[in-house]
Amino acid sequence: RGGRTYYADSVKGRFTISGDNAKNTVSL
């Protein structure tokens, strides 16, 4: 709903999670 993201310390700055609610897909 809000798009808030959370990351493990080991991947911060390197990985990005995103979502497309209309398509029901999430990417990394």
PDB file of all heavy atoms in Angstrom:
ATOM      1  N   ARG A   1       0.802  -1.210   0.000  1.00  0.00           N
ATOM      2  CA  ARG A   1       0.000   0.000   0.000  1.00  0.00           C
ATOM      3  C   ARG A   1       0.843   1.272   0.000  1.00  0.00           C
ATOM      4  O   ARG A   1       0.599   2.171  -0.799  1.00  0.00           O
ATOM      5  CB  ARG A   1      -0.952  -0.002   1.197  1.00  0.00           C
ATOM      6  CG  ARG A   1      -2.117   0.960   1.012  1.00  0.00           C
ATOM      7  CD  ARG A   1      -3.191   0.725   2.058  1.00  0.00           C
ATOM      8  NE  ARG A   1      -2.892   1.403   3.301  1.00  0.00           N
ATOM      9  CZ  ARG A   1      -3.237   2.647   3.584  1.00  0.00           C
ATOM     10  NH1 ARG A   1      -3.915   3.370   2.691  1.00  0.00           N
ATOM     11  NH2 ARG A   1      -2.925   3.177   4.760  1.00  0.00           N
ATOM     12  N   GLY A   2       1.805   1.352   0.862  1.00  0.00           N
ATOM     13  CA  GLY A   2       2.587   2.566   0.973  1.00  0.00           C
ATOM     14  C   GLY A   2       3.904   2.557   0.218  1.00  0.00           C
ATOM     15  O   GLY A   2       4.511   3.614   0.007  1.00  0.00           O
ATOM     16  N   GLY A   3       4.347   1.375  -0.185  1.00  0.00           N
ATOM     17  CA  GLY A   3       5.591   1.271  -0.917  1.00  0.00           C
ATOM     18  C   GLY A   3       6.842   1.354  -0.058  1.00  0.00           C
ATOM     19  O   GLY A   3       7.948   1.471  -0.595  1.00  0.00           O
ATOM     20  N   ARG A   4       6.683   1.299   1.252  1.00  0.00           N
ATOM     21  CA  ARG A   4       7.842   1.332   2.129  1.00  0.00           C
ATOM     22  C   ARG A   4       8.717   0.103   1.909  1.00  0.00           C
ATOM     23  O   ARG A   4       8.201  -1.006   1.750  1.00  0.00           O
ATOM     24  CB  ARG A   4       7.397   1.399   3.587  1.00  0.00           C
ATOM     25  CG  ARG A   4       8.517   1.683   4.579  1.00  0.00           C
ATOM     26  CD  ARG A   4       7.979   1.670   5.999  1.00  0.00           C
ATOM     27  NE  ARG A   4       6.887   2.608   6.182  1.00  0.00           N
ATOM     28  CZ  ARG A   4       7.037   3.886   6.496  1.00  0.00           C
ATOM     29  NH1 ARG A   4       8.249   4.382   6.679  1.00  0.00           N
ATOM     30  NH2 ARG A   4       5.982   4.668   6.640  1.00  0.00           N
ATOM     31  N   THR A   5      10.008   0.312   1.892  1.00  0.00           N
ATOM     32  CA  THR A   5      10.941  -0.775   1.627  1.00  0.00           C
ATOM     33  C   THR A   5      11.836  -1.039   2.823  1.00  0.00           C
ATOM     34  O   THR A   5      12.092  -0.158   3.646  1.00  0.00           O
ATOM     35  CB  THR A   5      11.804  -0.482   0.394  1.00  0.00           C
ATOM     36  OG1 THR A   5      12.513   0.752   0.588  1.00  0.00           O
ATOM     37  CG2 THR A   5      10.945  -0.373  -0.850  1.00  0.00           C
ATOM     38  N   TYR A   6      12.333  -2.256   2.885  1.00  0.00           N
ATOM     39  CA  TYR A   6      13.197  -2.711   3.963  1.00  0.00           C
ATOM     40  C   TYR A   6      14.322  -3.532   3.356  1.00  0.00           C
ATOM     41  O   TYR A   6      14.107  -4.288   2.405  1.00  0.00           O
ATOM     42  CB  TYR A   6      12.422  -3.569   4.963  1.00  0.00           C
ATOM     43  CG  TYR A   6      11.179  -2.913   5.512  1.00  0.00           C
ATOM     44  CD1 TYR A   6       9.997  -2.914   4.780  1.00  0.00           C
ATOM     45  CD2 TYR A   6      11.187  -2.301   6.758  1.00  0.00           C
ATOM     46  CE1 TYR A   6       8.851  -2.312   5.271  1.00  0.00           C
ATOM     47  CE2 TYR A   6      10.048  -1.697   7.257  1.00  0.00           C
ATOM     48  CZ  TYR A   6       8.884  -1.706   6.517  1.00  0.00           C
ATOM     49  OH  TYR A   6       7.753  -1.107   7.006  1.00  0.00           O
ATOM     50  N   TYR A   7      15.523  -3.396   3.915  1.00  0.00           N
ATOM     51  CA  TYR A   7      16.677  -4.097   3.387  1.00  0.00           C
ATOM     52  C   TYR A   7      17.542  -4.658   4.501  1.00  0.00           C
ATOM     53  O   TYR A   7      17.683  -4.049   5.563  1.00  0.00           O
ATOM     54  CB  TYR A   7      17.551  -3.177   2.536  1.00  0.00           C
ATOM     55  CG  TYR A   7      16.878  -2.650   1.302  1.00  0.00           C
ATOM     56  CD1 TYR A   7      16.243  -1.420   1.305  1.00  0.00           C
ATOM     57  CD2 TYR A   7      16.886  -3.394   0.120  1.00  0.00           C
ATOM     58  CE1 TYR A   7      15.626  -0.933   0.167  1.00  0.00           C
ATOM     59  CE2 TYR A   7      16.270  -2.909  -1.022  1.00  0.00           C
ATOM     60  CZ  TYR A   7      15.642  -1.683  -0.992  1.00  0.00           C
ATOM     61  OH  TYR A   7      15.027  -1.206  -2.122  1.00  0.00           O
ATOM     62  N   ALA A   8      18.124  -5.804   4.231  1.00  0.00           N
ATOM     63  CA  ALA A   8      19.157  -6.311   5.107  1.00  0.00           C
ATOM     64  C   ALA A   8      20.393  -5.440   4.960  1.00  0.00           C
ATOM     65  O   ALA A   8      20.666  -4.897   3.883  1.00  0.00           O
ATOM     66  CB  ALA A   8      19.491  -7.761   4.762  1.00  0.00           C
ATOM     67  N   ASP A   9      21.148  -5.292   6.039  1.00  0.00           N
ATOM     68  CA  ASP A   9      22.344  -4.458   5.999  1.00  0.00           C
ATOM     69  C   ASP A   9      23.327  -4.914   4.926  1.00  0.00           C
ATOM     70  O   ASP A   9      24.022  -4.092   4.322  1.00  0.00           O
ATOM     71  CB  ASP A   9      23.035  -4.459   7.361  1.00  0.00           C
ATOM     72  CG  ASP A   9      22.270  -3.674   8.410  1.00  0.00           C
ATOM     73  OD1 ASP A   9      21.420  -2.845   8.036  1.00  0.00           O
ATOM     74  OD2 ASP A   9      22.534  -3.888   9.603  1.00  0.00           O
ATOM     75  N   SER A  10      23.378  -6.198   4.674  1.00  0.00           N
ATOM     76  CA  SER A  10      24.339  -6.748   3.736  1.00  0.00           C
ATOM     77  C   SER A  10      24.086  -6.349   2.287  1.00  0.00           C
ATOM     78  O   SER A  10      24.984  -6.466   1.453  1.00  0.00           O
ATOM     79  CB  SER A  10      24.367  -8.278   3.845  1.00  0.00           C
ATOM     80  OG  SER A  10      23.091  -8.828   3.560  1.00  0.00           O
ATOM     81  N   VAL A  11      22.878  -5.871   1.985  1.00  0.00           N
ATOM     82  CA  VAL A  11      22.549  -5.529   0.602  1.00  0.00           C
ATOM     83  C   VAL A  11      22.199  -4.064   0.417  1.00  0.00           C
ATOM     84  O   VAL A  11      21.972  -3.630  -0.721  1.00  0.00           O
ATOM     85  CB  VAL A  11      21.407  -6.409   0.057  1.00  0.00           C
ATOM     86  CG1 VAL A  11      21.740  -7.879   0.225  1.00  0.00           C
ATOM     87  CG2 VAL A  11      20.084  -6.062   0.740  1.00  0.00           C
ATOM     88  N   LYS A  12      22.155  -3.293   1.490  1.00  0.00           N
ATOM     89  CA  LYS A  12      21.826  -1.876   1.379  1.00  0.00           C
ATOM     90  C   LYS A  12      22.808  -1.168   0.458  1.00  0.00           C
ATOM     91  O   LYS A  12      24.011  -1.360   0.550  1.00  0.00           O
ATOM     92  CB  LYS A  12      21.831  -1.217   2.756  1.00  0.00           C
ATOM     93  CG  LYS A  12      20.631  -1.547   3.607  1.00  0.00           C
ATOM     94  CD  LYS A  12      20.694  -0.830   4.950  1.00  0.00           C
ATOM     95  CE  LYS A  12      19.483  -1.140   5.801  1.00  0.00           C
ATOM     96  NZ  LYS A  12      19.549  -0.494   7.126  1.00  0.00           N
ATOM     97  N   GLY A  13      22.274  -0.350  -0.431  1.00  0.00           N
ATOM     98  CA  GLY A  13      23.098   0.376  -1.374  1.00  0.00           C
ATOM     99  C   GLY A  13      23.419  -0.400  -2.627  1.00  0.00           C
ATOM    100  O   GLY A  13      23.924   0.174  -3.598  1.00  0.00           O
ATOM    101  N   ARG A  14      23.140  -1.703  -2.629  1.00  0.00           N
ATOM    102  CA  ARG A  14      23.425  -2.534  -3.790  1.00  0.00           C
ATOM    103  C   ARG A  14      22.156  -3.104  -4.423  1.00  0.00           C
ATOM    104  O   ARG A  14      22.075  -3.228  -5.639  1.00  0.00           O
ATOM    105  CB  ARG A  14      24.353  -3.687  -3.421  1.00  0.00           C
ATOM    106  CG  ARG A  14      25.704  -3.246  -2.888  1.00  0.00           C
ATOM    107  CD  ARG A  14      26.655  -4.428  -2.750  1.00  0.00           C
ATOM    108  NE  ARG A  14      26.146  -5.436  -1.814  1.00  0.00           N
ATOM    109  CZ  ARG A  14      25.915  -6.702  -2.141  1.00  0.00           C
ATOM    110  NH1 ARG A  14      26.150  -7.127  -3.372  1.00  0.00           N
ATOM    111  NH2 ARG A  14      25.465  -7.554  -1.220  1.00  0.00           N
ATOM    112  N   PHE A  15      21.192  -3.456  -3.586  1.00  0.00           N
ATOM    113  CA  PHE A  15      19.950  -4.058  -4.066  1.00  0.00           C
ATOM    114  C   PHE A  15      18.806  -3.067  -3.935  1.00  0.00           C
ATOM    115  O   PHE A  15      18.771  -2.259  -2.999  1.00  0.00           O
ATOM    116  CB  PHE A  15      19.590  -5.308  -3.258  1.00  0.00           C
ATOM    117  CG  PHE A  15      20.500  -6.484  -3.458  1.00  0.00           C
ATOM    118  CD1 PHE A  15      21.694  -6.375  -4.163  1.00  0.00           C
ATOM    119  CD2 PHE A  15      20.159  -7.715  -2.929  1.00  0.00           C
ATOM    120  CE1 PHE A  15      22.529  -7.464  -4.335  1.00  0.00           C
ATOM    121  CE2 PHE A  15      20.980  -8.813  -3.094  1.00  0.00           C
ATOM    122  CZ  PHE A  15      22.162  -8.693  -3.792  1.00  0.00           C
ATOM    123  N   THR A  16      17.853  -3.144  -4.848  1.00  0.00           N
ATOM    124  CA  THR A  16      16.667  -2.311  -4.804  1.00  0.00           C
ATOM    125  C   THR A  16      15.441  -3.158  -5.085  1.00  0.00           C
ATOM    126  O   THR A  16      15.376  -3.835  -6.108  1.00  0.00           O
ATOM    127  CB  THR A  16      16.740  -1.166  -5.827  1.00  0.00           C
ATOM    128  OG1 THR A  16      17.904  -0.368  -5.589  1.00  0.00           O
ATOM    129  CG2 THR A  16      15.498  -0.286  -5.718  1.00  0.00           C
ATOM    130  N   ILE A  17      14.476  -3.111  -4.176  1.00  0.00           N
ATOM    131  CA  ILE A  17      13.232  -3.828  -4.384  1.00  0.00           C
ATOM    132  C   ILE A  17      12.182  -2.843  -4.888  1.00  0.00           C
ATOM    133  O   ILE A  17      12.127  -1.693  -4.451  1.00  0.00           O
ATOM    134  CB  ILE A  17      12.758  -4.532  -3.089  1.00  0.00           C
ATOM    135  CG1 ILE A  17      11.546  -5.419  -3.377  1.00  0.00           C
ATOM    136  CG2 ILE A  17      12.458  -3.532  -1.985  1.00  0.00           C
ATOM    137  CD1 ILE A  17      11.160  -6.318  -2.211  1.00  0.00           C
ATOM    138  N   SER A  18      11.366  -3.290  -5.808  1.00  0.00           N
ATOM    139  CA  SER A  18      10.304  -2.457  -6.348  1.00  0.00           C
ATOM    140  C   SER A  18       9.100  -3.326  -6.662  1.00  0.00           C
ATOM    141  O   SER A  18       9.229  -4.538  -6.860  1.00  0.00           O
ATOM    142  CB  SER A  18      10.763  -1.704  -7.595  1.00  0.00           C
ATOM    143  OG  SER A  18      11.153  -2.601  -8.617  1.00  0.00           O
ATOM    144  N   GLY A  19       7.936  -2.703  -6.695  1.00  0.00           N
ATOM    145  CA  GLY A  19       6.725  -3.442  -6.965  1.00  0.00           C
ATOM    146  C   GLY A  19       5.809  -2.714  -7.922  1.00  0.00           C
ATOM    147  O   GLY A  19       5.824  -1.487  -8.004  1.00  0.00           O
ATOM    148  N   ASP A  20       5.045  -3.481  -8.644  1.00  0.00           N
ATOM    149  CA  ASP A  20       4.023  -2.962  -9.542  1.00  0.00           C
ATOM    150  C   ASP A  20       2.717  -3.581  -9.096  1.00  0.00           C
ATOM    151  O   ASP A  20       2.423  -4.733  -9.425  1.00  0.00           O
ATOM    152  CB  ASP A  20       4.345  -3.313 -10.991  1.00  0.00           C
ATOM    153  CG  ASP A  20       3.396  -2.655 -11.975  1.00  0.00           C
ATOM    154  OD1 ASP A  20       2.242  -2.376 -11.625  1.00  0.00           O
ATOM    155  OD2 ASP A  20       3.822  -2.420 -13.121  1.00  0.00           O
ATOM    156  N   ASN A  21       1.934  -2.817  -8.349  1.00  0.00           N
ATOM    157  CA  ASN A  21       0.698  -3.344  -7.786  1.00  0.00           C
ATOM    158  C   ASN A  21      -0.302  -3.764  -8.862  1.00  0.00           C
ATOM    159  O   ASN A  21      -1.007  -4.757  -8.706  1.00  0.00           O
ATOM    160  CB  ASN A  21       0.061  -2.306  -6.857  1.00  0.00           C
ATOM    161  CG  ASN A  21      -1.110  -2.855  -6.081  1.00  0.00           C
ATOM    162  OD1 ASN A  21      -1.001  -3.871  -5.400  1.00  0.00           O
ATOM    163  ND2 ASN A  21      -2.244  -2.184  -6.172  1.00  0.00           N
ATOM    164  N   ALA A  22      -0.345  -3.005  -9.955  1.00  0.00           N
ATOM    165  CA  ALA A  22      -1.282  -3.310 -11.029  1.00  0.00           C
ATOM    166  C   ALA A  22      -0.972  -4.647 -11.681  1.00  0.00           C
ATOM    167  O   ALA A  22      -1.884  -5.361 -12.108  1.00  0.00           O
ATOM    168  CB  ALA A  22      -1.265  -2.196 -12.070  1.00  0.00           C
ATOM    169  N   LYS A  23       0.294  -4.978 -11.753  1.00  0.00           N
ATOM    170  CA  LYS A  23       0.702  -6.229 -12.384  1.00  0.00           C
ATOM    171  C   LYS A  23       0.961  -7.345 -11.381  1.00  0.00           C
ATOM    172  O   LYS A  23       1.245  -8.474 -11.780  1.00  0.00           O
ATOM    173  CB  LYS A  23       1.957  -6.006 -13.227  1.00  0.00           C
ATOM    174  CG  LYS A  23       1.759  -5.066 -14.403  1.00  0.00           C
ATOM    175  CD  LYS A  23       3.033  -4.939 -15.221  1.00  0.00           C
ATOM    176  CE  LYS A  23       2.831  -4.042 -16.421  1.00  0.00           C
ATOM    177  NZ  LYS A  23       4.071  -3.915 -17.237  1.00  0.00           N
ATOM    178  N   ASN A  24       0.885  -7.016 -10.101  1.00  0.00           N
ATOM    179  CA  ASN A  24       1.170  -7.989  -9.045  1.00  0.00           C
ATOM    180  C   ASN A  24       2.547  -8.620  -9.213  1.00  0.00           C
ATOM    181  O   ASN A  24       2.703  -9.842  -9.139  1.00  0.00           O
ATOM    182  CB  ASN A  24       0.090  -9.064  -8.996  1.00  0.00           C
ATOM    183  CG  ASN A  24      -1.234  -8.541  -8.496  1.00  0.00           C
ATOM    184  OD1 ASN A  24      -1.288  -7.761  -7.539  1.00  0.00           O
ATOM    185  ND2 ASN A  24      -2.314  -8.961  -9.133  1.00  0.00           N
ATOM    186  N   THR A  25       3.519  -7.771  -9.449  1.00  0.00           N
ATOM    187  CA  THR A  25       4.882  -8.239  -9.595  1.00  0.00           C
ATOM    188  C   THR A  25       5.815  -7.461  -8.675  1.00  0.00           C
ATOM    189  O   THR A  25       5.578  -6.297  -8.373  1.00  0.00           O
ATOM    190  CB  THR A  25       5.390  -8.102 -11.040  1.00  0.00           C
ATOM    191  OG1 THR A  25       5.329  -6.729 -11.441  1.00  0.00           O
ATOM    192  CG2 THR A  25       4.554  -8.933 -11.990  1.00  0.00           C
ATOM    193  N   VAL A  26       6.856  -8.124  -8.251  1.00  0.00           N
ATOM    194  CA  VAL A  26       7.891  -7.511  -7.432  1.00  0.00           C
ATOM    195  C   VAL A  26       9.236  -7.870  -8.034  1.00  0.00           C
ATOM    196  O   VAL A  26       9.444  -9.008  -8.458  1.00  0.00           O
ATOM    197  CB  VAL A  26       7.817  -7.984  -5.969  1.00  0.00           C
ATOM    198  CG1 VAL A  26       9.004  -7.464  -5.173  1.00  0.00           C
ATOM    199  CG2 VAL A  26       6.521  -7.520  -5.328  1.00  0.00           C
ATOM    200  N   SER A  27      10.133  -6.894  -8.071  1.00  0.00           N
ATOM    201  CA  SER A  27      11.448  -7.112  -8.644  1.00  0.00           C
ATOM    202  C   SER A  27      12.527  -6.812  -7.626  1.00  0.00           C
ATOM    203  O   SER A  27      12.325  -6.055  -6.676  1.00  0.00           O
ATOM    204  CB  SER A  27      11.649  -6.233  -9.880  1.00  0.00           C
ATOM    205  OG  SER A  27      10.730  -6.553 -10.904  1.00  0.00           O
ATOM    206  N   LEU A  28      13.674  -7.417  -7.843  1.00  0.00           N
ATOM    207  CA  LEU A  28      14.849  -7.150  -7.027  1.00  0.00           C
ATOM    208  C   LEU A  28      16.008  -6.879  -7.969  1.00  0.00           C
ATOM    209  O   LEU A  28      16.501  -7.791  -8.628  1.00  0.00           O
ATOM    210  CB  LEU A  28      15.169  -8.333  -6.109  1.00  0.00           C
ATOM    211  CG  LEU A  28      16.320  -8.118  -5.132  1.00  0.00           C
ATOM    212  CD1 LEU A  28      15.927  -7.097  -4.067  1.00  0.00           C
ATOM    213  CD2 LEU A  28      16.737  -9.428  -4.477  1.00  0.00           C
TER     214      LEU A  28
END
